[in-house]
N, C-alpha and C. Protein backbone atom coordinates (compact mmCIF):
# COMPACT_ATOMS: atom_id res chain seq x y z
N MET A 1 -10.35 0.00 10.00
CA MET A 1 -9.46 0.78 10.84
C MET A 1 -8.31 -0.11 11.28
N HIS A 2 -7.12 0.40 11.17
CA HIS A 2 -5.94 -0.36 11.55
C HIS A 2 -5.57 -0.04 13.00
N ASP A 3 -4.97 -1.01 13.66
CA ASP A 3 -4.57 -0.84 15.05
C ASP A 3 -3.18 -0.24 15.19
N GLN A 4 -2.59 0.20 14.09
CA GLN A 4 -1.26 0.80 14.05
C GLN A 4 -0.16 -0.20 14.39
N LEU A 5 -0.49 -1.46 14.49
CA LEU A 5 0.51 -2.48 14.77
C LEU A 5 0.71 -3.41 13.58
N GLN A 6 -0.26 -3.50 12.70
CA GLN A 6 -0.12 -4.39 11.55
C GLN A 6 0.49 -3.64 10.37
N PRO A 7 1.31 -4.32 9.58
CA PRO A 7 1.95 -3.65 8.44
C PRO A 7 0.91 -3.18 7.42
N CYS A 8 1.12 -2.00 6.89
CA CYS A 8 0.23 -1.43 5.86
C CYS A 8 1.04 -1.02 4.65
N SER A 9 2.06 -1.80 4.30
CA SER A 9 2.92 -1.40 3.20
C SER A 9 2.26 -1.57 1.84
N LEU A 10 1.26 -2.45 1.73
CA LEU A 10 0.53 -2.63 0.49
C LEU A 10 -0.94 -2.32 0.72
N VAL A 11 -1.53 -1.59 -0.21
CA VAL A 11 -2.96 -1.28 -0.14
C VAL A 11 -3.59 -1.58 -1.49
N ALA A 12 -4.90 -1.78 -1.49
CA ALA A 12 -5.62 -2.01 -2.74
C ALA A 12 -5.71 -0.70 -3.51
N ASN A 13 -5.31 -0.74 -4.75
CA ASN A 13 -5.37 0.43 -5.61
C ASN A 13 -6.79 0.54 -6.16
N PRO A 14 -7.58 1.55 -5.74
CA PRO A 14 -8.97 1.64 -6.20
C PRO A 14 -9.10 1.86 -7.70
N ALA A 15 -8.06 2.37 -8.33
CA ALA A 15 -8.12 2.60 -9.77
C ALA A 15 -8.11 1.29 -10.55
N THR A 16 -7.66 0.20 -9.91
CA THR A 16 -7.60 -1.09 -10.59
C THR A 16 -8.81 -1.96 -10.30
N THR A 17 -9.74 -1.49 -9.49
CA THR A 17 -10.92 -2.26 -9.16
C THR A 17 -11.95 -2.07 -10.27
N THR A 18 -12.23 -3.13 -10.99
CA THR A 18 -13.22 -3.06 -12.06
C THR A 18 -14.35 -4.03 -11.76
N ILE A 19 -15.53 -3.66 -12.16
CA ILE A 19 -16.68 -4.54 -11.98
C ILE A 19 -16.97 -5.20 -13.32
N ILE A 20 -16.91 -6.50 -13.32
CA ILE A 20 -17.20 -7.26 -14.54
C ILE A 20 -18.71 -7.43 -14.60
N PRO A 21 -19.33 -7.12 -15.74
CA PRO A 21 -20.78 -7.29 -15.85
C PRO A 21 -21.18 -8.74 -15.60
N ALA A 22 -22.36 -8.90 -15.03
CA ALA A 22 -22.87 -10.24 -14.75
C ALA A 22 -23.10 -10.97 -16.07
N THR A 23 -22.65 -12.21 -16.15
CA THR A 23 -22.81 -13.00 -17.36
C THR A 23 -23.63 -14.24 -17.04
N PRO A 24 -24.80 -14.34 -17.67
CA PRO A 24 -25.61 -15.53 -17.42
C PRO A 24 -25.06 -16.73 -18.20
N GLU A 25 -25.21 -17.88 -17.61
CA GLU A 25 -24.77 -19.12 -18.25
C GLU A 25 -25.86 -20.15 -18.05
N VAL A 26 -26.23 -20.82 -19.13
CA VAL A 26 -27.27 -21.85 -19.05
C VAL A 26 -26.59 -23.20 -18.97
N ARG A 27 -26.96 -23.97 -17.95
CA ARG A 27 -26.39 -25.31 -17.76
C ARG A 27 -27.51 -26.34 -17.79
N THR A 28 -27.22 -27.46 -18.37
CA THR A 28 -28.19 -28.56 -18.40
C THR A 28 -27.55 -29.75 -17.72
N ILE A 29 -28.22 -30.24 -16.70
CA ILE A 29 -27.77 -31.44 -16.00
C ILE A 29 -28.92 -32.43 -16.05
N GLY A 30 -28.74 -33.50 -16.78
CA GLY A 30 -29.81 -34.49 -16.95
C GLY A 30 -30.99 -33.86 -17.66
N ASP A 31 -32.17 -33.90 -17.02
CA ASP A 31 -33.38 -33.31 -17.60
C ASP A 31 -33.60 -31.88 -17.14
N SER A 32 -32.74 -31.38 -16.27
CA SER A 32 -32.94 -30.03 -15.71
C SER A 32 -32.06 -29.01 -16.42
N THR A 33 -32.65 -27.88 -16.71
CA THR A 33 -31.90 -26.76 -17.28
C THR A 33 -31.96 -25.62 -16.28
N MET A 34 -30.81 -25.05 -15.99
CA MET A 34 -30.76 -23.97 -15.01
C MET A 34 -29.93 -22.82 -15.55
N SER A 35 -30.20 -21.64 -15.06
CA SER A 35 -29.44 -20.46 -15.44
C SER A 35 -28.60 -20.05 -14.24
N VAL A 36 -27.30 -19.90 -14.46
CA VAL A 36 -26.38 -19.51 -13.41
C VAL A 36 -25.86 -18.11 -13.74
N LEU A 37 -25.90 -17.22 -12.77
CA LEU A 37 -25.43 -15.85 -12.98
C LEU A 37 -24.09 -15.68 -12.28
N HIS A 38 -23.04 -15.37 -13.04
CA HIS A 38 -21.72 -15.16 -12.47
C HIS A 38 -21.53 -13.69 -12.16
N LEU A 39 -21.28 -13.37 -10.90
CA LEU A 39 -21.01 -12.00 -10.48
C LEU A 39 -19.53 -11.89 -10.15
N GLY A 40 -18.71 -11.93 -11.15
CA GLY A 40 -17.27 -11.94 -10.94
C GLY A 40 -16.70 -10.56 -10.72
N VAL A 41 -16.04 -10.37 -9.60
CA VAL A 41 -15.30 -9.13 -9.33
C VAL A 41 -13.87 -9.53 -9.04
N PRO A 42 -12.94 -9.19 -9.93
CA PRO A 42 -11.55 -9.59 -9.69
C PRO A 42 -10.97 -8.82 -8.50
N PRO A 43 -10.03 -9.43 -7.81
CA PRO A 43 -9.41 -8.71 -6.69
C PRO A 43 -8.63 -7.50 -7.20
N PRO A 44 -8.64 -6.40 -6.45
CA PRO A 44 -7.89 -5.23 -6.90
C PRO A 44 -6.38 -5.50 -6.84
N ILE A 45 -5.65 -4.78 -7.65
CA ILE A 45 -4.20 -4.91 -7.66
C ILE A 45 -3.63 -4.12 -6.49
N SER A 46 -2.73 -4.74 -5.74
CA SER A 46 -2.12 -4.06 -4.61
C SER A 46 -0.99 -3.16 -5.08
N THR A 47 -0.81 -2.08 -4.37
CA THR A 47 0.25 -1.13 -4.69
C THR A 47 0.89 -0.67 -3.39
N ARG A 48 2.09 -0.14 -3.47
CA ARG A 48 2.79 0.32 -2.28
C ARG A 48 2.06 1.51 -1.68
N ASN A 49 1.88 1.50 -0.38
CA ASN A 49 1.20 2.59 0.32
C ASN A 49 2.14 3.79 0.50
N LEU A 50 3.41 3.51 0.72
CA LEU A 50 4.41 4.57 0.92
C LEU A 50 5.09 4.84 -0.42
N THR A 51 5.06 6.10 -0.86
CA THR A 51 5.66 6.43 -2.15
C THR A 51 6.75 7.47 -1.95
N GLY A 52 7.61 7.56 -2.93
CA GLY A 52 8.71 8.51 -2.87
C GLY A 52 10.00 7.79 -2.55
N SER A 53 11.04 8.57 -2.33
CA SER A 53 12.35 8.02 -2.03
C SER A 53 12.38 7.56 -0.58
N THR A 54 12.63 6.27 -0.36
CA THR A 54 12.63 5.73 1.00
C THR A 54 14.04 5.58 1.57
N GLY A 55 15.02 6.10 0.88
CA GLY A 55 16.39 6.06 1.38
C GLY A 55 16.96 7.46 1.47
N ALA A 56 17.76 7.71 2.49
CA ALA A 56 18.37 9.04 2.65
C ALA A 56 19.68 8.91 3.40
N SER A 57 20.60 9.81 3.10
CA SER A 57 21.86 9.88 3.83
C SER A 57 21.70 10.89 4.96
N GLY A 58 22.37 10.61 6.07
CA GLY A 58 22.31 11.52 7.21
C GLY A 58 23.27 12.69 7.05
N ASP A 59 22.87 13.83 7.57
CA ASP A 59 23.71 15.03 7.55
C ASP A 59 23.90 15.53 8.98
N LEU A 60 25.12 15.91 9.31
CA LEU A 60 25.42 16.46 10.63
C LEU A 60 25.01 17.94 10.62
N LEU A 61 23.99 18.27 11.40
CA LEU A 61 23.43 19.62 11.44
C LEU A 61 23.15 20.02 12.88
N LYS A 62 22.86 21.29 13.08
CA LYS A 62 22.45 21.78 14.40
C LYS A 62 20.92 21.80 14.46
N ASP A 63 20.39 21.42 15.63
CA ASP A 63 18.94 21.50 15.80
C ASP A 63 18.55 22.91 16.24
N LEU A 64 17.30 23.11 16.62
CA LEU A 64 16.80 24.44 16.97
C LEU A 64 17.43 25.01 18.23
N THR A 65 17.99 24.14 19.06
CA THR A 65 18.63 24.61 20.29
C THR A 65 20.15 24.74 20.14
N GLY A 66 20.67 24.48 18.94
CA GLY A 66 22.10 24.62 18.69
C GLY A 66 22.91 23.36 18.92
N ASN A 67 22.27 22.25 19.26
CA ASN A 67 22.98 20.99 19.47
C ASN A 67 23.14 20.25 18.14
N TYR A 68 24.30 19.62 17.98
CA TYR A 68 24.54 18.85 16.77
C TYR A 68 23.79 17.53 16.81
N GLY A 69 23.37 17.11 15.65
CA GLY A 69 22.70 15.82 15.50
C GLY A 69 22.77 15.37 14.06
N ILE A 70 22.46 14.11 13.83
CA ILE A 70 22.42 13.60 12.47
C ILE A 70 20.95 13.59 12.04
N PHE A 71 20.67 14.30 10.94
CA PHE A 71 19.30 14.44 10.47
C PHE A 71 19.15 13.80 9.10
N PHE A 72 17.99 13.18 8.88
CA PHE A 72 17.66 12.53 7.62
C PHE A 72 16.45 13.25 7.03
N ALA A 73 16.55 13.66 5.78
CA ALA A 73 15.45 14.36 5.12
C ALA A 73 14.80 13.46 4.08
N PHE A 74 13.50 13.42 4.09
CA PHE A 74 12.71 12.67 3.12
C PHE A 74 11.72 13.64 2.47
N PRO A 75 12.19 14.49 1.54
CA PRO A 75 11.35 15.56 1.02
C PRO A 75 10.17 15.11 0.15
N ASP A 76 10.26 13.94 -0.47
CA ASP A 76 9.17 13.53 -1.36
C ASP A 76 8.44 12.28 -0.87
N LEU A 77 8.53 11.98 0.41
CA LEU A 77 7.87 10.81 0.98
C LEU A 77 6.41 11.13 1.23
N SER A 78 5.51 10.25 0.79
CA SER A 78 4.09 10.46 1.02
C SER A 78 3.38 9.12 1.15
N VAL A 79 2.14 9.17 1.66
CA VAL A 79 1.33 7.98 1.87
C VAL A 79 0.10 8.08 0.98
N ARG A 80 -0.27 6.98 0.33
CA ARG A 80 -1.39 6.99 -0.61
C ARG A 80 -2.75 7.08 0.08
N THR A 81 -2.90 6.46 1.22
CA THR A 81 -4.20 6.45 1.89
C THR A 81 -4.10 7.20 3.21
N ASP A 82 -5.15 7.96 3.51
CA ASP A 82 -5.11 8.75 4.74
C ASP A 82 -5.24 7.83 5.95
N GLY A 83 -4.72 8.27 7.05
CA GLY A 83 -4.75 7.49 8.28
C GLY A 83 -3.59 7.87 9.17
N MET A 84 -3.46 7.17 10.28
CA MET A 84 -2.37 7.42 11.22
C MET A 84 -1.41 6.23 11.13
N TYR A 85 -0.14 6.52 10.85
CA TYR A 85 0.85 5.48 10.63
C TYR A 85 2.07 5.70 11.51
N THR A 86 2.78 4.63 11.75
CA THR A 86 4.08 4.68 12.41
C THR A 86 5.10 4.19 11.42
N LEU A 87 6.13 4.98 11.17
CA LEU A 87 7.17 4.58 10.22
C LEU A 87 8.26 3.81 10.95
N LYS A 88 8.78 2.79 10.30
CA LYS A 88 9.86 1.97 10.84
C LYS A 88 11.12 2.28 10.06
N PHE A 89 12.18 2.63 10.74
CA PHE A 89 13.45 2.98 10.11
C PHE A 89 14.50 1.93 10.41
N SER A 90 15.35 1.67 9.45
CA SER A 90 16.52 0.80 9.63
C SER A 90 17.76 1.62 9.29
N PHE A 91 18.73 1.61 10.19
CA PHE A 91 19.96 2.34 9.98
C PHE A 91 21.09 1.37 9.69
N VAL A 92 21.93 1.72 8.72
CA VAL A 92 23.03 0.87 8.31
C VAL A 92 24.29 1.73 8.26
N MET A 93 25.34 1.27 8.90
CA MET A 93 26.65 1.92 8.81
C MET A 93 27.43 1.24 7.70
N LEU A 94 27.73 1.99 6.64
CA LEU A 94 28.49 1.44 5.53
C LEU A 94 29.98 1.67 5.78
N PRO A 95 30.78 0.66 5.46
CA PRO A 95 32.24 0.86 5.64
C PRO A 95 32.77 1.89 4.65
N GLU A 96 33.78 2.62 5.08
CA GLU A 96 34.36 3.64 4.22
C GLU A 96 35.32 3.03 3.22
């Protein structure tokens, strides 16, 4: 469970998690022979948690009460893993 304060921009992609079968290895050290079992599980590949277009231009529109405001639409923005998140926005004024 996240405390909603730590970044969650990358998550483990469960589709990339593979279990490598255990491989026995016989080792001989001096007069002793031993069998070592390797239980190797590679780390999953990380992927972006937030998908879709993360950039948008603002439009001057009226809100529900008739007041003008600048609104940003993100129609295809989605999150890969369920949970409660806080989005962080950065605004940039580009010169004309």
